[in-house]
Amino acid sequence: MSKFSLFGKFTVQEDERDSMVNLLLEAADSLQNLEECEVYLVNISESEPNAVYVYEVWKSEEAHQASLTLETTQTLIRRAKPIITGMERVKTLQTRGGKGLGQHSD
């Protein structure tokens, strides 16, 4: 099993972290029925008040790219753009398995 995983960081305007968290949780909700997305976790760090981290696991990098073209995703991106001051791909990984992922082989 080899999956495409992404650990990303959004930096937002001061006092907008909660707004960004809510937008990303909406994104997570919109992905509930999308089988290609296996994990989508929204995280914050108390030491970084203007940062939101997202950890994603996808069946493939192509599936992740395709999700960015969905109308729901595009709408959320448009809503988030005004408060985002930076985006960073902290790390792109190949997930090999573990708790939280189906144990089937692809």
PDB file of N, CA and C in Angstrom:
ATOM      1  N   MET A   1       0.847  -1.171   0.000  1.00  0.00           N
ATOM      2  CA  MET A   1       0.000   0.000   0.000  1.00  0.00           C
ATOM      3  C   MET A   1       0.890   1.230   0.000  1.00  0.00           C
ATOM      4  N   SER A   2       0.707   2.091  -0.972  1.00  0.00           N
ATOM      5  CA  SER A   2       1.421   3.364  -0.999  1.00  0.00           C
ATOM      6  C   SER A   2       0.410   4.448  -1.343  1.00  0.00           C
ATOM      7  N   LYS A   3       0.280   5.401  -0.458  1.00  0.00           N
ATOM      8  CA  LYS A   3      -0.694   6.480  -0.626  1.00  0.00           C
ATOM      9  C   LYS A   3       0.055   7.797  -0.749  1.00  0.00           C
ATOM     10  N   PHE A   4      -0.617   8.811  -1.290  1.00  0.00           N
ATOM     11  CA  PHE A   4      -0.058  10.158  -1.354  1.00  0.00           C
ATOM     12  C   PHE A   4      -0.508  10.916  -0.113  1.00  0.00           C
ATOM     13  N   SER A   5       0.442  11.427   0.625  1.00  0.00           N
ATOM     14  CA  SER A   5       0.140  12.170   1.846  1.00  0.00           C
ATOM     15  C   SER A   5       0.748  13.552   1.758  1.00  0.00           C
ATOM     16  N   LEU A   6       0.066  14.489   2.372  1.00  0.00           N
ATOM     17  CA  LEU A   6       0.493  15.879   2.314  1.00  0.00           C
ATOM     18  C   LEU A   6       0.299  16.513   3.675  1.00  0.00           C
ATOM     19  N   PHE A   7       1.338  17.189   4.148  1.00  0.00           N
ATOM     20  CA  PHE A   7       1.260  17.951   5.382  1.00  0.00           C
ATOM     21  C   PHE A   7       1.469  19.401   4.984  1.00  0.00           C
ATOM     22  N   GLY A   8       0.409  20.204   5.092  1.00  0.00           N
ATOM     23  CA  GLY A   8       0.469  21.586   4.637  1.00  0.00           C
ATOM     24  C   GLY A   8       0.210  22.579   5.746  1.00  0.00           C
ATOM     25  N   LYS A   9       0.684  23.795   5.538  1.00  0.00           N
ATOM     26  CA  LYS A   9       0.517  24.869   6.518  1.00  0.00           C
ATOM     27  C   LYS A   9      -0.071  26.092   5.826  1.00  0.00           C
ATOM     28  N   PHE A  10      -1.143  26.608   6.412  1.00  0.00           N
ATOM     29  CA  PHE A  10      -1.732  27.862   5.973  1.00  0.00           C
ATOM     30  C   PHE A  10      -1.407  28.919   7.026  1.00  0.00           C
ATOM     31  N   THR A  11      -0.887  30.045   6.593  1.00  0.00           N
ATOM     32  CA  THR A  11      -0.704  31.182   7.477  1.00  0.00           C
ATOM     33  C   THR A  11      -1.800  32.176   7.122  1.00  0.00           C
ATOM     34  N   VAL A  12      -2.465  32.701   8.144  1.00  0.00           N
ATOM     35  CA  VAL A  12      -3.611  33.590   7.907  1.00  0.00           C
ATOM     36  C   VAL A  12      -3.418  34.921   8.624  1.00  0.00           C
ATOM     37  N   GLN A  13      -4.247  35.872   8.235  1.00  0.00           N
ATOM     38  CA  GLN A  13      -4.217  37.178   8.876  1.00  0.00           C
ATOM     39  C   GLN A  13      -4.509  37.049  10.367  1.00  0.00           C
ATOM     40  N   GLU A  14      -4.011  38.009  11.117  1.00  0.00           N
ATOM     41  CA  GLU A  14      -4.210  38.002  12.565  1.00  0.00           C
ATOM     42  C   GLU A  14      -5.695  37.883  12.910  1.00  0.00           C
ATOM     43  N   ASP A  15      -5.995  37.064  13.892  1.00  0.00           N
ATOM     44  CA  ASP A  15      -7.351  36.819  14.393  1.00  0.00           C
ATOM     45  C   ASP A  15      -8.261  36.113  13.400  1.00  0.00           C
ATOM     46  N   GLU A  16      -7.697  35.492  12.370  1.00  0.00           N
ATOM     47  CA  GLU A  16      -8.505  34.775  11.374  1.00  0.00           C
ATOM     48  C   GLU A  16      -8.316  33.264  11.437  1.00  0.00           C
ATOM     49  N   ARG A  17      -7.550  32.782  12.419  1.00  0.00           N
ATOM     50  CA  ARG A  17      -7.295  31.339  12.479  1.00  0.00           C
ATOM     51  C   ARG A  17      -8.587  30.544  12.613  1.00  0.00           C
ATOM     52  N   ASP A  18      -9.485  30.978  13.498  1.00  0.00           N
ATOM     53  CA  ASP A  18     -10.733  30.228  13.678  1.00  0.00           C
ATOM     54  C   ASP A  18     -11.562  30.202  12.396  1.00  0.00           C
ATOM     55  N   SER A  19     -11.555  31.305  11.660  1.00  0.00           N
ATOM     56  CA  SER A  19     -12.272  31.339  10.374  1.00  0.00           C
ATOM     57  C   SER A  19     -11.682  30.319   9.409  1.00  0.00           C
ATOM     58  N   MET A  20     -10.356  30.242   9.374  1.00  0.00           N
ATOM     59  CA  MET A  20      -9.697  29.291   8.476  1.00  0.00           C
ATOM     60  C   MET A  20      -9.972  27.865   8.920  1.00  0.00           C
ATOM     61  N   VAL A  21      -9.924  27.620  10.209  1.00  0.00           N
ATOM     62  CA  VAL A  21     -10.245  26.282  10.722  1.00  0.00           C
ATOM     63  C   VAL A  21     -11.650  25.884  10.275  1.00  0.00           C
ATOM     64  N   ASN A  22     -12.604  26.795  10.423  1.00  0.00           N
ATOM     65  CA  ASN A  22     -13.982  26.487  10.032  1.00  0.00           C
ATOM     66  C   ASN A  22     -14.102  26.201   8.544  1.00  0.00           C
ATOM     67  N   LEU A  23     -13.403  26.955   7.709  1.00  0.00           N
ATOM     68  CA  LEU A  23     -13.430  26.706   6.266  1.00  0.00           C
ATOM     69  C   LEU A  23     -12.829  25.342   5.942  1.00  0.00           C
ATOM     70  N   LEU A  24     -11.728  25.004   6.601  1.00  0.00           N
ATOM     71  CA  LEU A  24     -11.095  23.713   6.343  1.00  0.00           C
ATOM     72  C   LEU A  24     -11.929  22.551   6.871  1.00  0.00           C
ATOM     73  N   LEU A  25     -12.654  22.768   7.952  1.00  0.00           N
ATOM     74  CA  LEU A  25     -13.564  21.724   8.437  1.00  0.00           C
ATOM     75  C   LEU A  25     -14.739  21.544   7.476  1.00  0.00           C
ATOM     76  N   GLU A  26     -15.167  22.631   6.834  1.00  0.00           N
ATOM     77  CA  GLU A  26     -16.179  22.514   5.767  1.00  0.00           C
ATOM     78  C   GLU A  26     -15.616  21.673   4.627  1.00  0.00           C
ATOM     79  N   ALA A  27     -14.349  21.914   4.286  1.00  0.00           N
ATOM     80  CA  ALA A  27     -13.703  21.114   3.233  1.00  0.00           C
ATOM     81  C   ALA A  27     -13.687  19.646   3.634  1.00  0.00           C
ATOM     82  N   ALA A  28     -13.340  19.373   4.889  1.00  0.00           N
ATOM     83  CA  ALA A  28     -13.326  17.988   5.373  1.00  0.00           C
ATOM     84  C   ALA A  28     -14.709  17.354   5.247  1.00  0.00           C
ATOM     85  N   ASP A  29     -15.739  18.102   5.618  1.00  0.00           N
ATOM     86  CA  ASP A  29     -17.107  17.588   5.490  1.00  0.00           C
ATOM     87  C   ASP A  29     -17.449  17.278   4.036  1.00  0.00           C
ATOM     88  N   SER A  30     -17.008  18.148   3.131  1.00  0.00           N
ATOM     89  CA  SER A  30     -17.326  17.951   1.711  1.00  0.00           C
ATOM     90  C   SER A  30     -16.623  16.730   1.141  1.00  0.00           C
ATOM     91  N   LEU A  31     -15.583  16.251   1.819  1.00  0.00           N
ATOM     92  CA  LEU A  31     -14.823  15.092   1.346  1.00  0.00           C
ATOM     93  C   LEU A  31     -15.294  13.778   1.961  1.00  0.00           C
ATOM     94  N   GLN A  32     -16.285  13.823   2.837  1.00  0.00           N
ATOM     95  CA  GLN A  32     -16.726  12.623   3.546  1.00  0.00           C
ATOM     96  C   GLN A  32     -17.080  11.469   2.610  1.00  0.00           C
ATOM     97  N   ASN A  33     -17.705  11.754   1.488  1.00  0.00           N
ATOM     98  CA  ASN A  33     -18.143  10.695   0.580  1.00  0.00           C
ATOM     99  C   ASN A  33     -17.199  10.483  -0.599  1.00  0.00           C
ATOM    100  N   LEU A  34     -16.044  11.130  -0.553  1.00  0.00           N
ATOM    101  CA  LEU A  34     -15.051  10.981  -1.616  1.00  0.00           C
ATOM    102  C   LEU A  34     -14.057   9.903  -1.191  1.00  0.00           C
ATOM    103  N   GLU A  35     -14.206   8.699  -1.765  1.00  0.00           N
ATOM    104  CA  GLU A  35     -13.397   7.547  -1.360  1.00  0.00           C
ATOM    105  C   GLU A  35     -11.900   7.772  -1.526  1.00  0.00           C
ATOM    106  N   GLU A  36     -11.521   8.594  -2.495  1.00  0.00           N
ATOM    107  CA  GLU A  36     -10.097   8.809  -2.769  1.00  0.00           C
ATOM    108  C   GLU A  36      -9.385   9.529  -1.628  1.00  0.00           C
ATOM    109  N   CYS A  37     -10.146  10.264  -0.811  1.00  0.00           N
ATOM    110  CA  CYS A  37      -9.579  10.954   0.345  1.00  0.00           C
ATOM    111  C   CYS A  37      -9.786  10.072   1.568  1.00  0.00           C
ATOM    112  N   GLU A  38      -8.687   9.596   2.133  1.00  0.00           N
ATOM    113  CA  GLU A  38      -8.779   8.678   3.262  1.00  0.00           C
ATOM    114  C   GLU A  38      -8.628   9.374   4.603  1.00  0.00           C
ATOM    115  N   VAL A  39      -7.868  10.464   4.655  1.00  0.00           N
ATOM    116  CA  VAL A  39      -7.657  11.215   5.892  1.00  0.00           C
ATOM    117  C   VAL A  39      -7.577  12.693   5.541  1.00  0.00           C
ATOM    118  N   TYR A  40      -8.267  13.524   6.320  1.00  0.00           N
ATOM    119  CA  TYR A  40      -8.178  14.981   6.162  1.00  0.00           C
ATOM    120  C   TYR A  40      -8.340  15.572   7.557  1.00  0.00           C
ATOM    121  N   LEU A  41      -7.226  15.940   8.165  1.00  0.00           N
ATOM    122  CA  LEU A  41      -7.232  16.417   9.544  1.00  0.00           C
ATOM    123  C   LEU A  41      -6.788  17.872   9.604  1.00  0.00           C
ATOM    124  N   VAL A  42      -7.545  18.675  10.322  1.00  0.00           N
ATOM    125  CA  VAL A  42      -7.247  20.093  10.503  1.00  0.00           C
ATOM    126  C   VAL A  42      -6.657  20.263  11.898  1.00  0.00           C
ATOM    127  N   ASN A  43      -5.501  20.937  11.973  1.00  0.00           N
ATOM    128  CA  ASN A  43      -4.749  21.042  13.225  1.00  0.00           C
ATOM    129  C   ASN A  43      -4.306  22.478  13.485  1.00  0.00           C
ATOM    130  N   ILE A  44      -4.160  22.814  14.768  1.00  0.00           N
ATOM    131  CA  ILE A  44      -3.593  24.112  15.143  1.00  0.00           C
ATOM    132  C   ILE A  44      -2.478  23.870  16.156  1.00  0.00           C
ATOM    133  N   SER A  45      -1.633  24.881  16.293  1.00  0.00           N
ATOM    134  CA  SER A  45      -0.567  24.871  17.286  1.00  0.00           C
ATOM    135  C   SER A  45      -0.744  26.104  18.155  1.00  0.00           C
ATOM    136  N   GLU A  46      -0.788  25.915  19.456  1.00  0.00           N
ATOM    137  CA  GLU A  46      -0.973  27.055  20.356  1.00  0.00           C
ATOM    138  C   GLU A  46       0.168  28.058  20.252  1.00  0.00           C
ATOM    139  N   SER A  47       1.334  27.617  19.800  1.00  0.00           N
ATOM    140  CA  SER A  47       2.477  28.529  19.686  1.00  0.00           C
ATOM    141  C   SER A  47       2.470  29.319  18.374  1.00  0.00           C
ATOM    142  N   GLU A  48       1.532  29.016  17.475  1.00  0.00           N
ATOM    143  CA  GLU A  48       1.438  29.724  16.194  1.00  0.00           C
ATOM    144  C   GLU A  48      -0.012  30.191  15.998  1.00  0.00           C
ATOM    145  N   PRO A  49      -0.364  31.344  16.524  1.00  0.00           N
ATOM    146  CA  PRO A  49      -1.757  31.793  16.495  1.00  0.00           C
ATOM    147  C   PRO A  49      -2.300  32.130  15.105  1.00  0.00           C
ATOM    148  N   ASN A  50      -1.437  32.223  14.111  1.00  0.00           N
ATOM    149  CA  ASN A  50      -1.890  32.549  12.758  1.00  0.00           C
ATOM    150  C   ASN A  50      -1.654  31.403  11.776  1.00  0.00           C
ATOM    151  N   ALA A  51      -1.534  30.193  12.295  1.00  0.00           N
ATOM    152  CA  ALA A  51      -1.244  29.045  11.430  1.00  0.00           C
ATOM    153  C   ALA A  51      -2.273  27.937  11.623  1.00  0.00           C
ATOM    154  N   VAL A  52      -2.586  27.261  10.520  1.00  0.00           N
ATOM    155  CA  VAL A  52      -3.445  26.084  10.531  1.00  0.00           C
ATOM    156  C   VAL A  52      -2.747  25.031   9.674  1.00  0.00           C
ATOM    157  N   TYR A  53      -2.641  23.831  10.204  1.00  0.00           N
ATOM    158  CA  TYR A  53      -2.006  22.725   9.501  1.00  0.00           C
ATOM    159  C   TYR A  53      -3.063  21.724   9.052  1.00  0.00           C
ATOM    160  N   VAL A  54      -2.846  21.148   7.873  1.00  0.00           N
ATOM    161  CA  VAL A  54      -3.747  20.118   7.358  1.00  0.00           C
ATOM    162  C   VAL A  54      -2.903  18.902   6.989  1.00  0.00           C
ATOM    163  N   TYR A  55      -3.343  17.733   7.460  1.00  0.00           N
ATOM    164  CA  TYR A  55      -2.710  16.478   7.094  1.00  0.00           C
ATOM    165  C   TYR A  55      -3.716  15.695   6.267  1.00  0.00           C
ATOM    166  N   GLU A  56      -3.294  15.300   5.072  1.00  0.00           N
ATOM    167  CA  GLU A  56      -4.185  14.615   4.135  1.00  0.00           C
ATOM    168  C   GLU A  56      -3.552  13.315   3.664  1.00  0.00           C
ATOM    169  N   VAL A  57      -4.368  12.285   3.472  1.00  0.00           N
ATOM    170  CA  VAL A  57      -3.927  11.043   2.852  1.00  0.00           C
ATOM    171  C   VAL A  57      -4.909  10.734   1.730  1.00  0.00           C
ATOM    172  N   TRP A  58      -4.360  10.532   0.543  1.00  0.00           N
ATOM    173  CA  TRP A  58      -5.138  10.268  -0.661  1.00  0.00           C
ATOM    174  C   TRP A  58      -4.694   8.956  -1.298  1.00  0.00           C
ATOM    175  N   LYS A  59      -5.572   8.344  -2.057  1.00  0.00           N
ATOM    176  CA  LYS A  59      -5.218   7.109  -2.766  1.00  0.00           C
ATOM    177  C   LYS A  59      -4.074   7.352  -3.747  1.00  0.00           C
ATOM    178  N   SER A  60      -4.008   8.584  -4.309  1.00  0.00           N
ATOM    179  CA  SER A  60      -2.934   8.933  -5.245  1.00  0.00           C
ATOM    180  C   SER A  60      -2.814  10.455  -5.321  1.00  0.00           C
ATOM    181  N   GLU A  61      -1.700  10.905  -5.855  1.00  0.00           N
ATOM    182  CA  GLU A  61      -1.516  12.342  -6.044  1.00  0.00           C
ATOM    183  C   GLU A  61      -2.524  12.883  -7.063  1.00  0.00           C
ATOM    184  N   GLU A  62      -2.840  12.070  -8.057  1.00  0.00           N
ATOM    185  CA  GLU A  62      -3.818  12.475  -9.071  1.00  0.00           C
ATOM    186  C   GLU A  62      -5.196  12.705  -8.442  1.00  0.00           C
ATOM    187  N   ALA A  63      -5.568  11.873  -7.487  1.00  0.00           N
ATOM    188  CA  ALA A  63      -6.858  12.038  -6.797  1.00  0.00           C
ATOM    189  C   ALA A  63      -6.883  13.352  -6.025  1.00  0.00           C
ATOM    190  N   HIS A  64      -5.761  13.686  -5.389  1.00  0.00           N
ATOM    191  CA  HIS A  64      -5.671  14.958  -4.674  1.00  0.00           C
ATOM    192  C   HIS A  64      -5.830  16.123  -5.648  1.00  0.00           C
ATOM    193  N   GLN A  65      -5.109  16.078  -6.754  1.00  0.00           N
ATOM    194  CA  GLN A  65      -5.192  17.157  -7.746  1.00  0.00           C
ATOM    195  C   GLN A  65      -6.608  17.295  -8.296  1.00  0.00           C
ATOM    196  N   ALA A  66      -7.269  16.176  -8.550  1.00  0.00           N
ATOM    197  CA  ALA A  66      -8.637  16.201  -9.076  1.00  0.00           C
ATOM    198  C   ALA A  66      -9.590  16.849  -8.077  1.00  0.00           C
ATOM    199  N   SER A  67      -9.345  16.644  -6.783  1.00  0.00           N
ATOM    200  CA  SER A  67     -10.233  17.220  -5.769  1.00  0.00           C
ATOM    201  C   SER A  67     -10.197  18.745  -5.782  1.00  0.00           C
ATOM    202  N   LEU A  68      -9.089  19.297  -6.220  1.00  0.00           N
ATOM    203  CA  LEU A  68      -8.957  20.756  -6.252  1.00  0.00           C
ATOM    204  C   LEU A  68      -9.814  21.398  -7.340  1.00  0.00           C
ATOM    205  N   THR A  69     -10.306  20.597  -8.278  1.00  0.00           N
ATOM    206  CA  THR A  69     -11.143  21.125  -9.349  1.00  0.00           C
ATOM    207  C   THR A  69     -12.634  21.021  -9.045  1.00  0.00           C
ATOM    208  N   LEU A  70     -12.997  20.355  -7.949  1.00  0.00           N
ATOM    209  CA  LEU A  70     -14.407  20.209  -7.588  1.00  0.00           C
ATOM    210  C   LEU A  70     -15.023  21.576  -7.274  1.00  0.00           C
ATOM    211  N   GLU A  71     -16.266  21.774  -7.630  1.00  0.00           N
ATOM    212  CA  GLU A  71     -16.937  23.060  -7.408  1.00  0.00           C
ATOM    213  C   GLU A  71     -16.941  23.442  -5.930  1.00  0.00           C
ATOM    214  N   THR A  72     -17.221  22.493  -5.059  1.00  0.00           N
ATOM    215  CA  THR A  72     -17.225  22.777  -3.620  1.00  0.00           C
ATOM    216  C   THR A  72     -15.853  23.263  -3.162  1.00  0.00           C
ATOM    217  N   THR A  73     -14.819  22.594  -3.636  1.00  0.00           N
ATOM    218  CA  THR A  73     -13.455  22.975  -3.278  1.00  0.00           C
ATOM    219  C   THR A  73     -13.136  24.366  -3.806  1.00  0.00           C
ATOM    220  N   GLN A  74     -13.501  24.632  -5.037  1.00  0.00           N
ATOM    221  CA  GLN A  74     -13.242  25.944  -5.636  1.00  0.00           C
ATOM    222  C   GLN A  74     -13.945  27.059  -4.855  1.00  0.00           C
ATOM    223  N   THR A  75     -15.166  26.813  -4.424  1.00  0.00           N
ATOM    224  CA  THR A  75     -15.912  27.796  -3.630  1.00  0.00           C
ATOM    225  C   THR A  75     -15.205  28.061  -2.303  1.00  0.00           C
ATOM    226  N   LEU A  76     -14.752  27.014  -1.635  1.00  0.00           N
ATOM    227  CA  LEU A  76     -14.052  27.181  -0.363  1.00  0.00           C
ATOM    228  C   LEU A  76     -12.727  27.919  -0.554  1.00  0.00           C
ATOM    229  N   ILE A  77     -12.038  27.639  -1.643  1.00  0.00           N
ATOM    230  CA  ILE A  77     -10.781  28.342  -1.938  1.00  0.00           C
ATOM    231  C   ILE A  77     -11.051  29.832  -2.120  1.00  0.00           C
ATOM    232  N   ARG A  78     -12.080  30.161  -2.862  1.00  0.00           N
ATOM    233  CA  ARG A  78     -12.426  31.585  -3.067  1.00  0.00           C
ATOM    234  C   ARG A  78     -12.745  32.264  -1.741  1.00  0.00           C
ATOM    235  N   ARG A  79     -13.435  31.572  -0.858  1.00  0.00           N
ATOM    236  CA  ARG A  79     -13.788  32.140   0.450  1.00  0.00           C
ATOM    237  C   ARG A  79     -12.566  32.295   1.347  1.00  0.00           C
ATOM    238  N   ALA A  80     -11.591  31.407   1.217  1.00  0.00           N
ATOM    239  CA  ALA A  80     -10.415  31.430   2.085  1.00  0.00           C
ATOM    240  C   ALA A  80      -9.334  32.401   1.612  1.00  0.00           C
ATOM    241  N   LYS A  81      -9.232  32.627   0.316  1.00  0.00           N
ATOM    242  CA  LYS A  81      -8.147  33.450  -0.232  1.00  0.00           C
ATOM    243  C   LYS A  81      -7.951  34.797   0.471  1.00  0.00           C
ATOM    244  N   PRO A  82      -9.024  35.544   0.797  1.00  0.00           N
ATOM    245  CA  PRO A  82      -8.813  36.861   1.407  1.00  0.00           C
ATOM    246  C   PRO A  82      -8.114  36.843   2.767  1.00  0.00           C
ATOM    247  N   ILE A  83      -8.159  35.720   3.475  1.00  0.00           N
ATOM    248  CA  ILE A  83      -7.537  35.696   4.803  1.00  0.00           C
ATOM    249  C   ILE A  83      -6.193  34.969   4.824  1.00  0.00           C
ATOM    250  N   ILE A  84      -5.828  34.310   3.728  1.00  0.00           N
ATOM    251  CA  ILE A  84      -4.567  33.563   3.658  1.00  0.00           C
ATOM    252  C   ILE A  84      -3.427  34.518   3.319  1.00  0.00           C
ATOM    253  N   THR A  85      -2.361  34.448   4.123  1.00  0.00           N
ATOM    254  CA  THR A  85      -1.168  35.248   3.833  1.00  0.00           C
ATOM    255  C   THR A  85      -0.014  34.378   3.342  1.00  0.00           C
ATOM    256  N   GLY A  86      -0.135  33.068   3.479  1.00  0.00           N
ATOM    257  CA  GLY A  86       0.902  32.173   2.993  1.00  0.00           C
ATOM    258  C   GLY A  86       0.468  30.728   3.042  1.00  0.00           C
ATOM    259  N   MET A  87       1.053  29.935   2.148  1.00  0.00           N
ATOM    260  CA  MET A  87       0.791  28.499   2.109  1.00  0.00           C
ATOM    261  C   MET A  87       2.125  27.795   1.922  1.00  0.00           C
ATOM    262  N   GLU A  88       2.274  26.665   2.603  1.00  0.00           N
ATOM    263  CA  GLU A  88       3.527  25.923   2.518  1.00  0.00           C
ATOM    264  C   GLU A  88       3.231  24.437   2.537  1.00  0.00           C
ATOM    265  N   ARG A  89       3.846  23.721   1.609  1.00  0.00           N
ATOM    266  CA  ARG A  89       3.823  22.259   1.665  1.00  0.00           C
ATOM    267  C   ARG A  89       4.952  21.868   2.590  1.00  0.00           C
ATOM    268  N   VAL A  90       4.598  21.586   3.827  1.00  0.00           N
ATOM    269  CA  VAL A  90       5.620  21.236   4.805  1.00  0.00           C
ATOM    270  C   VAL A  90       6.337  19.971   4.352  1.00  0.00           C
ATOM    271  N   LYS A  91       5.569  19.005   3.900  1.00  0.00           N
ATOM    272  CA  LYS A  91       6.161  17.750   3.473  1.00  0.00           C
ATOM    273  C   LYS A  91       5.157  16.971   2.635  1.00  0.00           C
ATOM    274  N   THR A  92       5.648  16.338   1.585  1.00  0.00           N
ATOM    275  CA  THR A  92       4.880  15.371   0.820  1.00  0.00           C
ATOM    276  C   THR A  92       5.448  14.007   1.176  1.00  0.00           C
ATOM    277  N   LEU A  93       4.577  13.073   1.492  1.00  0.00           N
ATOM    278  CA  LEU A  93       5.003  11.773   2.001  1.00  0.00           C
ATOM    279  C   LEU A  93       4.326  10.647   1.240  1.00  0.00           C
ATOM    280  N   GLN A  94       4.856   9.441   1.396  1.00  0.00           N
ATOM    281  CA  GLN A  94       4.206   8.226   0.912  1.00  0.00           C
ATOM    282  C   GLN A  94       3.818   7.416   2.136  1.00  0.00           C
ATOM    283  N   THR A  95       2.534   7.359   2.410  1.00  0.00           N
ATOM    284  CA  THR A  95       2.043   6.606   3.563  1.00  0.00           C
ATOM    285  C   THR A  95       2.081   5.122   3.251  1.00  0.00           C
ATOM    286  N   ARG A  96       2.592   4.358   4.176  1.00  0.00           N
ATOM    287  CA  ARG A  96       2.704   2.913   4.004  1.00  0.00           C
ATOM    288  C   ARG A  96       1.673   2.140   4.800  1.00  0.00           C
ATOM    289  N   GLY A  97       1.002   2.786   5.762  1.00  0.00           N
ATOM    290  CA  GLY A  97      -0.014   2.093   6.539  1.00  0.00           C
ATOM    291  C   GLY A  97      -0.079   2.641   7.936  1.00  0.00           C
ATOM    292  N   GLY A  98      -0.893   2.018   8.781  1.00  0.00           N
ATOM    293  CA  GLY A  98      -1.030   2.416  10.155  1.00  0.00           C
ATOM    294  C   GLY A  98      -2.494   2.566  10.535  1.00  0.00           C
ATOM    295  N   LYS A  99      -2.721   2.942  11.755  1.00  0.00           N
ATOM    296  CA  LYS A  99      -4.075   3.104  12.246  1.00  0.00           C
ATOM    297  C   LYS A  99      -4.789   4.243  11.518  1.00  0.00           C
ATOM    298  N   GLY A 100      -6.038   4.015  11.169  1.00  0.00           N
ATOM    299  CA  GLY A 100      -6.828   5.061  10.522  1.00  0.00           C
ATOM    300  C   GLY A 100      -6.979   4.846   9.035  1.00  0.00           C
ATOM    301  N   LEU A 101      -6.192   3.974   8.462  1.00  0.00           N
ATOM    302  CA  LEU A 101      -6.299   3.679   7.045  1.00  0.00           C
ATOM    303  C   LEU A 101      -6.780   2.253   6.879  1.00  0.00           C
ATOM    304  N   GLY A 102      -7.536   2.019   5.820  1.00  0.00           N
ATOM    305  CA  GLY A 102      -7.962   0.650   5.533  1.00  0.00           C
ATOM    306  C   GLY A 102      -6.752  -0.253   5.354  1.00  0.00           C
ATOM    307  N   GLN A 103      -6.856  -1.482   5.739  1.00  0.00           N
ATOM    308  CA  GLN A 103      -5.727  -2.394   5.686  1.00  0.00           C
ATOM    309  C   GLN A 103      -5.627  -3.142   4.348  1.00  0.00           C
ATOM    310  N   HIS A 104      -6.470  -2.768   3.385  1.00  0.00           N
ATOM    311  CA  HIS A 104      -6.432  -3.447   2.095  1.00  0.00           C
ATOM    312  C   HIS A 104      -5.247  -2.950   1.282  1.00  0.00           C
ATOM    313  N   SER A 105      -4.780  -3.783   0.382  1.00  0.00           N
ATOM    314  CA  SER A 105      -3.679  -3.412  -0.508  1.00  0.00           C
ATOM    315  C   SER A 105      -4.248  -2.960  -1.826  1.00  0.00           C
ATOM    316  N   ASP A 106      -3.582  -1.962  -2.417  1.00  0.00           N
ATOM    317  CA  ASP A 106      -4.003  -1.484  -3.741  1.00  0.00           C
ATOM    318  C   ASP A 106      -3.041  -1.951  -4.798  1.00  0.00           C
TER     319      ASP A 106
END
